[in-house]
N, C-alpha and C. Protein backbone atom coordinates (compact mmCIF):
# COMPACT_ATOMS: atom_id res chain seq x y z
N MET A 1 -133.61 76.40 -75.99
CA MET A 1 -132.82 76.67 -74.98
C MET A 1 -132.00 75.51 -74.45
N PHE A 2 -132.67 74.31 -74.25
CA PHE A 2 -131.89 73.12 -73.73
C PHE A 2 -130.76 72.78 -74.75
N GLU A 3 -131.03 72.93 -76.07
CA GLU A 3 -130.08 72.41 -77.14
C GLU A 3 -129.01 73.48 -77.00
N HIS A 4 -129.08 74.83 -76.71
CA HIS A 4 -128.11 75.67 -76.64
C HIS A 4 -127.15 75.35 -75.47
N VAL A 5 -127.69 75.19 -74.34
CA VAL A 5 -126.88 74.67 -73.12
C VAL A 5 -126.09 73.44 -73.34
N GLU A 6 -126.81 72.49 -74.00
CA GLU A 6 -126.14 71.33 -74.20
C GLU A 6 -125.00 71.53 -74.97
N LYS A 7 -125.11 72.21 -76.16
CA LYS A 7 -123.87 72.66 -76.99
C LYS A 7 -122.83 73.29 -76.29
N GLN A 8 -123.10 74.14 -75.31
CA GLN A 8 -122.13 74.80 -74.39
C GLN A 8 -121.42 73.81 -73.59
N VAL A 9 -122.13 73.00 -72.98
CA VAL A 9 -121.54 71.78 -72.17
C VAL A 9 -120.60 71.01 -72.99
N GLN A 10 -121.06 70.64 -74.05
CA GLN A 10 -120.29 69.81 -74.98
C GLN A 10 -118.95 70.49 -75.28
N ALA A 11 -119.13 71.84 -75.58
CA ALA A 11 -117.76 72.50 -75.93
C ALA A 11 -116.94 72.68 -74.81
N CYS A 12 -117.35 72.83 -73.55
CA CYS A 12 -116.70 72.96 -72.41
C CYS A 12 -115.89 71.74 -72.17
N VAL A 13 -116.63 70.41 -72.26
CA VAL A 13 -116.02 69.24 -72.01
C VAL A 13 -114.97 69.01 -73.09
N GLU A 14 -115.21 69.30 -74.44
CA GLU A 14 -114.17 69.20 -75.41
C GLU A 14 -112.94 69.96 -75.05
N TRP A 15 -113.22 71.23 -74.52
CA TRP A 15 -111.75 71.99 -74.21
C TRP A 15 -111.11 71.37 -72.94
N LEU A 16 -111.90 70.73 -72.01
CA LEU A 16 -111.30 70.03 -70.91
C LEU A 16 -110.58 68.94 -71.35
N ARG A 17 -111.12 68.10 -72.36
CA ARG A 17 -110.48 66.83 -73.01
C ARG A 17 -109.23 67.12 -73.47
N LEU A 18 -109.23 68.38 -74.18
CA LEU A 18 -107.98 68.88 -74.96
C LEU A 18 -106.89 69.38 -73.87
N PHE A 19 -107.38 69.91 -72.91
CA PHE A 19 -106.38 70.37 -71.89
C PHE A 19 -105.73 69.04 -71.14
N VAL A 20 -106.71 68.09 -70.92
CA VAL A 20 -106.13 66.92 -70.26
C VAL A 20 -105.19 66.07 -71.18
N GLU A 21 -105.59 66.03 -72.42
CA GLU A 21 -104.60 65.34 -73.49
C GLU A 21 -103.26 66.23 -73.39
N ALA A 22 -103.30 67.34 -73.39
CA ALA A 22 -102.15 68.18 -73.53
C ALA A 22 -101.42 68.02 -72.15
N LEU A 23 -102.10 68.00 -71.05
CA LEU A 23 -101.33 67.76 -69.79
C LEU A 23 -100.62 66.22 -69.87
N GLY A 24 -101.32 65.39 -70.45
CA GLY A 24 -100.65 64.08 -70.32
C GLY A 24 -99.33 64.06 -71.28
N ALA A 25 -99.50 64.67 -72.43
CA ALA A 25 -98.33 64.87 -73.17
C ALA A 25 -97.23 65.80 -72.54
N ILE A 26 -97.63 66.81 -71.86
CA ILE A 26 -96.46 67.51 -71.13
C ILE A 26 -95.96 66.64 -69.98
N VAL A 27 -96.76 65.76 -69.44
CA VAL A 27 -96.06 65.05 -68.27
C VAL A 27 -95.05 64.06 -68.89
N ILE A 28 -95.34 63.44 -70.11
CA ILE A 28 -94.41 62.52 -70.73
C ILE A 28 -93.17 63.44 -71.11
N ALA A 29 -93.47 64.57 -71.63
CA ALA A 29 -92.15 65.50 -72.12
C ALA A 29 -91.36 65.73 -70.91
N ALA A 30 -91.91 66.16 -69.77
CA ALA A 30 -91.19 66.45 -68.71
C ALA A 30 -90.50 65.26 -68.18
N GLY A 31 -91.00 64.15 -68.33
CA GLY A 31 -90.36 62.86 -67.73
C GLY A 31 -89.15 62.52 -68.66
N ILE A 32 -89.44 62.79 -69.93
CA ILE A 32 -88.25 62.44 -70.88
C ILE A 32 -87.23 63.48 -70.67
N VAL A 33 -87.53 64.69 -70.55
CA VAL A 33 -86.32 65.70 -70.12
C VAL A 33 -85.52 65.28 -68.95
N LEU A 34 -86.18 64.98 -67.75
CA LEU A 34 -85.64 64.70 -66.58
C LEU A 34 -84.91 63.41 -66.59
N VAL A 35 -85.41 62.37 -67.35
CA VAL A 35 -84.69 61.12 -67.51
C VAL A 35 -83.46 61.26 -68.32
N VAL A 36 -83.61 62.21 -69.45
CA VAL A 36 -82.46 62.30 -70.27
C VAL A 36 -81.35 63.03 -69.26
N LEU A 37 -81.64 63.99 -68.58
CA LEU A 37 -80.58 64.60 -67.74
C LEU A 37 -80.02 63.67 -66.74
N ALA A 38 -80.91 62.80 -66.07
CA ALA A 38 -80.36 61.88 -65.01
C ALA A 38 -79.53 60.80 -65.74
N LEU A 39 -79.77 60.37 -67.03
CA LEU A 39 -78.88 59.52 -67.75
C LEU A 39 -77.64 60.18 -68.14
N VAL A 40 -77.55 61.25 -68.39
CA VAL A 40 -76.24 62.10 -68.73
C VAL A 40 -75.51 62.12 -67.42
N ARG A 41 -76.06 62.58 -66.26
CA ARG A 41 -75.42 62.66 -64.95
C ARG A 41 -74.81 61.26 -64.69
N HIS A 42 -75.83 60.31 -64.98
CA HIS A 42 -75.37 58.89 -64.51
C HIS A 42 -74.18 58.40 -65.27
N LEU A 43 -74.10 58.76 -66.69
CA LEU A 43 -72.97 58.29 -67.50
C LEU A 43 -71.67 59.08 -67.13
N LEU A 44 -71.79 60.28 -66.74
CA LEU A 44 -70.71 61.20 -66.32
C LEU A 44 -70.04 60.89 -64.98
N PHE A 45 -70.88 60.64 -64.10
CA PHE A 45 -70.42 60.43 -62.64
C PHE A 45 -70.55 59.08 -62.12
N GLU A 46 -71.44 58.19 -62.55
CA GLU A 46 -71.61 56.94 -61.90
C GLU A 46 -71.52 55.76 -62.91
N ARG A 47 -70.43 55.60 -63.35
CA ARG A 47 -70.28 54.68 -64.34
C ARG A 47 -70.35 53.32 -63.63
N GLY A 48 -71.00 52.47 -64.34
CA GLY A 48 -71.24 50.95 -63.98
C GLY A 48 -72.30 50.88 -62.89
N GLY A 49 -72.91 52.07 -62.52
CA GLY A 49 -74.05 51.91 -61.56
C GLY A 49 -75.37 51.25 -62.28
N SER A 50 -76.28 51.20 -61.54
CA SER A 50 -77.63 50.70 -61.87
C SER A 50 -78.50 51.79 -62.59
N PHE A 51 -79.21 51.47 -63.52
CA PHE A 51 -80.24 52.31 -64.24
C PHE A 51 -81.59 52.28 -63.60
N THR A 52 -81.66 51.50 -62.60
CA THR A 52 -83.11 51.14 -62.08
C THR A 52 -83.67 52.44 -61.57
N PRO A 53 -82.87 53.33 -60.66
CA PRO A 53 -83.73 54.46 -60.28
C PRO A 53 -84.09 55.42 -61.32
N ILE A 54 -83.47 55.50 -62.52
CA ILE A 54 -83.96 56.20 -63.47
C ILE A 54 -85.09 55.80 -64.25
N ARG A 55 -85.08 54.33 -64.49
CA ARG A 55 -86.26 53.79 -65.12
C ARG A 55 -87.34 53.94 -64.05
N LEU A 56 -87.27 53.70 -62.75
CA LEU A 56 -88.46 53.95 -61.87
C LEU A 56 -89.08 55.35 -61.99
N ARG A 57 -88.21 56.32 -62.15
CA ARG A 57 -88.61 57.76 -62.15
C ARG A 57 -89.38 57.88 -63.32
N PHE A 58 -88.87 57.39 -64.50
CA PHE A 58 -89.63 57.61 -65.91
C PHE A 58 -90.92 56.70 -65.93
N ALA A 59 -90.99 55.56 -65.28
CA ALA A 59 -92.19 54.78 -65.06
C ALA A 59 -93.39 55.49 -64.37
N ARG A 60 -92.88 56.24 -63.41
CA ARG A 60 -93.97 57.14 -62.61
C ARG A 60 -94.50 58.13 -63.47
N TYR A 61 -93.75 58.77 -64.48
CA TYR A 61 -94.23 59.90 -65.36
C TYR A 61 -95.15 59.14 -66.30
N LEU A 62 -94.80 57.98 -66.84
CA LEU A 62 -95.56 57.27 -67.70
C LEU A 62 -97.03 56.84 -67.14
N THR A 63 -96.98 56.26 -65.77
CA THR A 63 -98.16 56.02 -65.29
C THR A 63 -99.10 57.00 -65.12
N LEU A 64 -98.65 58.22 -64.76
CA LEU A 64 -99.44 59.50 -64.59
C LEU A 64 -99.91 59.83 -65.98
N ALA A 65 -99.12 59.76 -66.97
CA ALA A 65 -99.58 60.16 -68.39
C ALA A 65 -100.76 59.19 -68.82
N LEU A 66 -100.47 57.89 -68.46
CA LEU A 66 -101.46 56.97 -69.01
C LEU A 66 -102.81 57.26 -68.39
N GLU A 67 -102.88 57.52 -67.10
CA GLU A 67 -104.04 57.87 -66.36
C GLU A 67 -104.71 59.35 -66.88
N LEU A 68 -103.84 60.16 -67.20
CA LEU A 68 -104.48 61.28 -67.95
C LEU A 68 -105.01 61.16 -69.26
N GLN A 69 -104.41 60.36 -70.02
CA GLN A 69 -105.01 60.04 -71.36
C GLN A 69 -106.18 59.27 -71.33
N LEU A 70 -106.44 58.32 -70.30
CA LEU A 70 -107.67 57.46 -70.22
C LEU A 70 -108.59 58.59 -69.76
N ALA A 71 -108.35 59.45 -68.86
CA ALA A 71 -109.34 60.59 -68.33
C ALA A 71 -109.79 61.35 -69.67
N ALA A 72 -108.86 61.82 -70.45
CA ALA A 72 -109.31 62.54 -71.79
C ALA A 72 -110.27 61.62 -72.61
N ASP A 73 -110.07 60.35 -72.65
CA ASP A 73 -110.83 59.39 -73.48
C ASP A 73 -112.33 59.19 -72.94
N ILE A 74 -112.33 59.24 -71.72
CA ILE A 74 -113.56 59.16 -71.01
C ILE A 74 -114.50 60.43 -71.21
N LEU A 75 -113.55 61.64 -71.09
CA LEU A 75 -114.51 62.98 -71.35
C LEU A 75 -114.80 62.97 -72.84
N SER A 76 -114.11 62.47 -73.73
CA SER A 76 -114.51 62.47 -75.14
C SER A 76 -115.69 61.54 -75.42
N THR A 77 -115.77 60.44 -74.84
CA THR A 77 -116.86 59.62 -74.93
C THR A 77 -118.18 60.10 -74.15
N SER A 78 -118.06 60.92 -73.10
CA SER A 78 -119.19 61.32 -72.23
C SER A 78 -119.95 62.46 -73.05
N VAL A 79 -119.16 63.14 -73.85
CA VAL A 79 -119.81 64.25 -74.54
C VAL A 79 -120.77 63.68 -75.65
N ALA A 80 -120.44 62.86 -76.57
CA ALA A 80 -121.47 62.30 -77.44
C ALA A 80 -121.21 60.69 -77.47
N PRO A 81 -121.85 60.06 -76.59
CA PRO A 81 -121.62 58.54 -76.39
C PRO A 81 -122.43 57.85 -77.55
N THR A 82 -121.63 57.24 -78.46
CA THR A 82 -122.24 56.22 -79.50
C THR A 82 -121.86 54.91 -79.18
N TRP A 83 -122.27 53.84 -79.64
CA TRP A 83 -121.90 52.51 -79.34
C TRP A 83 -120.43 52.37 -79.79
N ASP A 84 -120.06 52.97 -80.97
CA ASP A 84 -118.84 52.77 -81.52
C ASP A 84 -117.66 53.38 -80.65
N ARG A 85 -117.93 54.77 -80.11
CA ARG A 85 -117.26 55.52 -79.18
C ARG A 85 -117.04 54.68 -77.92
N ILE A 86 -118.14 54.15 -77.45
CA ILE A 86 -118.11 53.40 -76.24
C ILE A 86 -117.20 52.04 -76.28
N GLY A 87 -117.52 51.27 -77.48
CA GLY A 87 -116.55 50.23 -77.75
C GLY A 87 -114.98 50.58 -77.81
N LYS A 88 -114.88 51.71 -78.50
CA LYS A 88 -113.31 52.03 -78.59
C LYS A 88 -112.77 52.51 -77.15
N LEU A 89 -113.77 53.18 -76.45
CA LEU A 89 -113.30 53.49 -75.03
C LEU A 89 -113.05 52.28 -74.16
N ALA A 90 -113.94 51.22 -74.35
CA ALA A 90 -113.62 50.02 -73.49
C ALA A 90 -112.35 49.39 -74.01
N ALA A 91 -112.02 49.29 -75.27
CA ALA A 91 -110.78 48.67 -75.80
C ALA A 91 -109.55 49.45 -75.15
N ILE A 92 -109.72 50.92 -75.28
CA ILE A 92 -108.59 51.67 -74.82
C ILE A 92 -108.40 51.54 -73.53
N ALA A 93 -109.39 51.60 -72.59
CA ALA A 93 -109.46 51.43 -71.09
C ALA A 93 -108.74 50.03 -70.73
N VAL A 94 -109.10 49.11 -71.34
CA VAL A 94 -108.58 47.63 -70.99
C VAL A 94 -107.01 47.82 -71.43
N ILE A 95 -106.76 48.27 -72.49
CA ILE A 95 -105.24 48.16 -72.89
C ILE A 95 -104.41 49.17 -71.88
N ARG A 96 -105.03 50.35 -71.67
CA ARG A 96 -104.17 51.40 -70.85
C ARG A 96 -104.24 50.89 -69.26
N THR A 97 -105.38 50.32 -68.91
CA THR A 97 -105.41 49.92 -67.65
C THR A 97 -104.43 48.58 -67.38
N ALA A 98 -104.39 47.73 -68.33
CA ALA A 98 -103.52 46.65 -68.30
C ALA A 98 -101.99 47.17 -68.22
N LEU A 99 -101.75 48.08 -69.21
CA LEU A 99 -100.34 48.61 -69.23
C LEU A 99 -100.02 49.34 -67.77
N ASN A 100 -100.83 49.97 -67.36
CA ASN A 100 -100.81 50.70 -66.12
C ASN A 100 -100.43 49.66 -65.07
N TYR A 101 -101.36 48.67 -64.89
CA TYR A 101 -101.03 47.60 -63.85
C TYR A 101 -99.71 46.86 -64.00
N PHE A 102 -99.38 46.51 -65.08
CA PHE A 102 -98.16 45.88 -65.22
C PHE A 102 -96.94 46.78 -64.91
N LEU A 103 -97.18 48.07 -65.51
CA LEU A 103 -96.07 49.23 -65.06
C LEU A 103 -96.00 49.35 -63.49
N ASN A 104 -97.06 49.29 -62.97
CA ASN A 104 -97.06 49.44 -61.37
C ASN A 104 -96.41 48.21 -60.60
N LYS A 105 -96.76 47.13 -61.19
CA LYS A 105 -96.28 45.84 -60.53
C LYS A 105 -94.65 45.75 -60.86
N GLU A 106 -94.05 46.39 -62.05
CA GLU A 106 -92.71 46.48 -62.15
C GLU A 106 -92.14 47.46 -61.39
N LEU A 107 -92.65 48.56 -61.22
CA LEU A 107 -92.31 49.65 -60.34
C LEU A 107 -92.20 49.16 -58.87
N GLN A 108 -93.22 48.35 -58.44
CA GLN A 108 -93.03 47.87 -56.98
C GLN A 108 -92.06 46.85 -56.94
N ALA A 109 -91.83 45.82 -58.04
CA ALA A 109 -90.73 44.92 -57.79
C ALA A 109 -89.44 45.54 -57.92
N GLU A 110 -89.21 46.60 -58.63
CA GLU A 110 -88.05 47.26 -58.77
C GLU A 110 -87.74 48.08 -57.60
N ALA A 111 -88.66 48.70 -57.07
CA ALA A 111 -88.50 49.44 -55.74
C ALA A 111 -88.16 48.50 -54.66
N ALA A 112 -88.67 47.51 -54.61
CA ALA A 112 -88.40 46.43 -53.54
C ALA A 112 -86.90 45.93 -53.57
N ALA A 113 -86.59 45.60 -54.94
CA ALA A 113 -85.32 45.22 -55.12
C ALA A 113 -84.21 46.22 -54.96
N GLU A 114 -84.68 47.41 -55.19
CA GLU A 114 -83.62 48.43 -54.86
C GLU A 114 -83.59 48.84 -53.55
N ALA A 115 -84.54 48.52 -52.58
CA ALA A 115 -84.53 48.83 -51.21
C ALA A 115 -83.66 47.81 -50.64
N THR A 116 -83.73 46.51 -51.08
CA THR A 116 -82.91 45.43 -50.54
C THR A 116 -81.39 45.48 -50.72
N ARG A 117 -81.16 46.14 -52.03
CA ARG A 117 -79.75 46.45 -52.45
C ARG A 117 -79.18 47.47 -51.54
N ALA A 118 -80.03 48.46 -51.13
CA ALA A 118 -79.47 49.64 -50.47
C ALA A 118 -79.22 49.33 -49.02
N ALA A 119 -80.14 48.33 -48.67
CA ALA A 119 -80.15 48.08 -46.97
C ALA A 119 -78.86 47.36 -46.64
N PRO A 120 -78.39 47.62 -45.46
CA PRO A 120 -76.95 47.23 -45.11
C PRO A 120 -77.23 45.76 -44.65
N ALA A 121 -76.31 44.91 -44.84
CA ALA A 121 -76.45 43.44 -44.56
C ALA A 121 -76.41 43.31 -42.96
N PRO A 122 -77.20 42.44 -42.44
CA PRO A 122 -77.27 42.16 -41.09
C PRO A 122 -75.99 41.57 -40.55
N ALA A 123 -75.60 41.95 -39.38
CA ALA A 123 -74.29 41.47 -38.73
C ALA A 123 -73.97 39.93 -38.85
N GLY A 124 -75.04 39.18 -38.78
CA GLY A 124 -74.91 37.69 -38.88
C GLY A 124 -74.85 37.15 -40.27
N ALA A 125 -74.89 38.05 -41.30
CA ALA A 125 -75.04 37.54 -42.75
C ALA A 125 -73.64 37.46 -43.20
N LEU A 126 -72.58 37.67 -42.50
CA LEU A 126 -71.24 37.60 -43.10
C LEU A 126 -70.72 36.17 -42.93
N ASN A 127 -71.39 35.33 -42.48
CA ASN A 127 -70.94 33.86 -42.24
C ASN A 127 -69.82 33.72 -41.19
N GLU A 128 -69.66 34.73 -40.46
CA GLU A 128 -68.58 34.55 -39.50
C GLU A 128 -69.21 34.78 -38.11
N PRO A 129 -69.02 33.99 -37.05
CA PRO A 129 -69.47 34.38 -35.75
C PRO A 129 -68.75 35.74 -35.25
N LEU A 130 -69.67 36.52 -34.61
CA LEU A 130 -69.04 37.76 -34.01
C LEU A 130 -68.23 37.57 -32.82
N SER A 131 -68.45 36.45 -32.07
CA SER A 131 -67.62 36.29 -30.90
C SER A 131 -67.20 34.81 -30.91
N ARG A 132 -65.87 34.61 -30.47
CA ARG A 132 -65.35 33.19 -30.30
C ARG A 132 -65.01 33.05 -29.13
């Protein structure tokens, strides 16, 4: 009886893992479609402008997809944990976490730079006195 329930749980977790992996791939595909549309719009209407907002948008999709793929790897290891699978999961987790960390750092830096470019200059920043 216990073995039967265990096999059913393993099958359910495998289906869930497959769903989460597919969801990660769908997120990447959606990000690619939206970024290509944004690039086309940018090239047609905003020549010479910055690509930074488009890169930031795509980075958000990649970050979410990385998290989903890591979740799928955790699910796959939780079903049948062997030392080999645990070692592979550890390596994958370190690599994906590092990628996610540096991607988030770049997102924050780019967003801060974009915000300072978009902010109006203070009145005293023109190097001219306002009243004489």
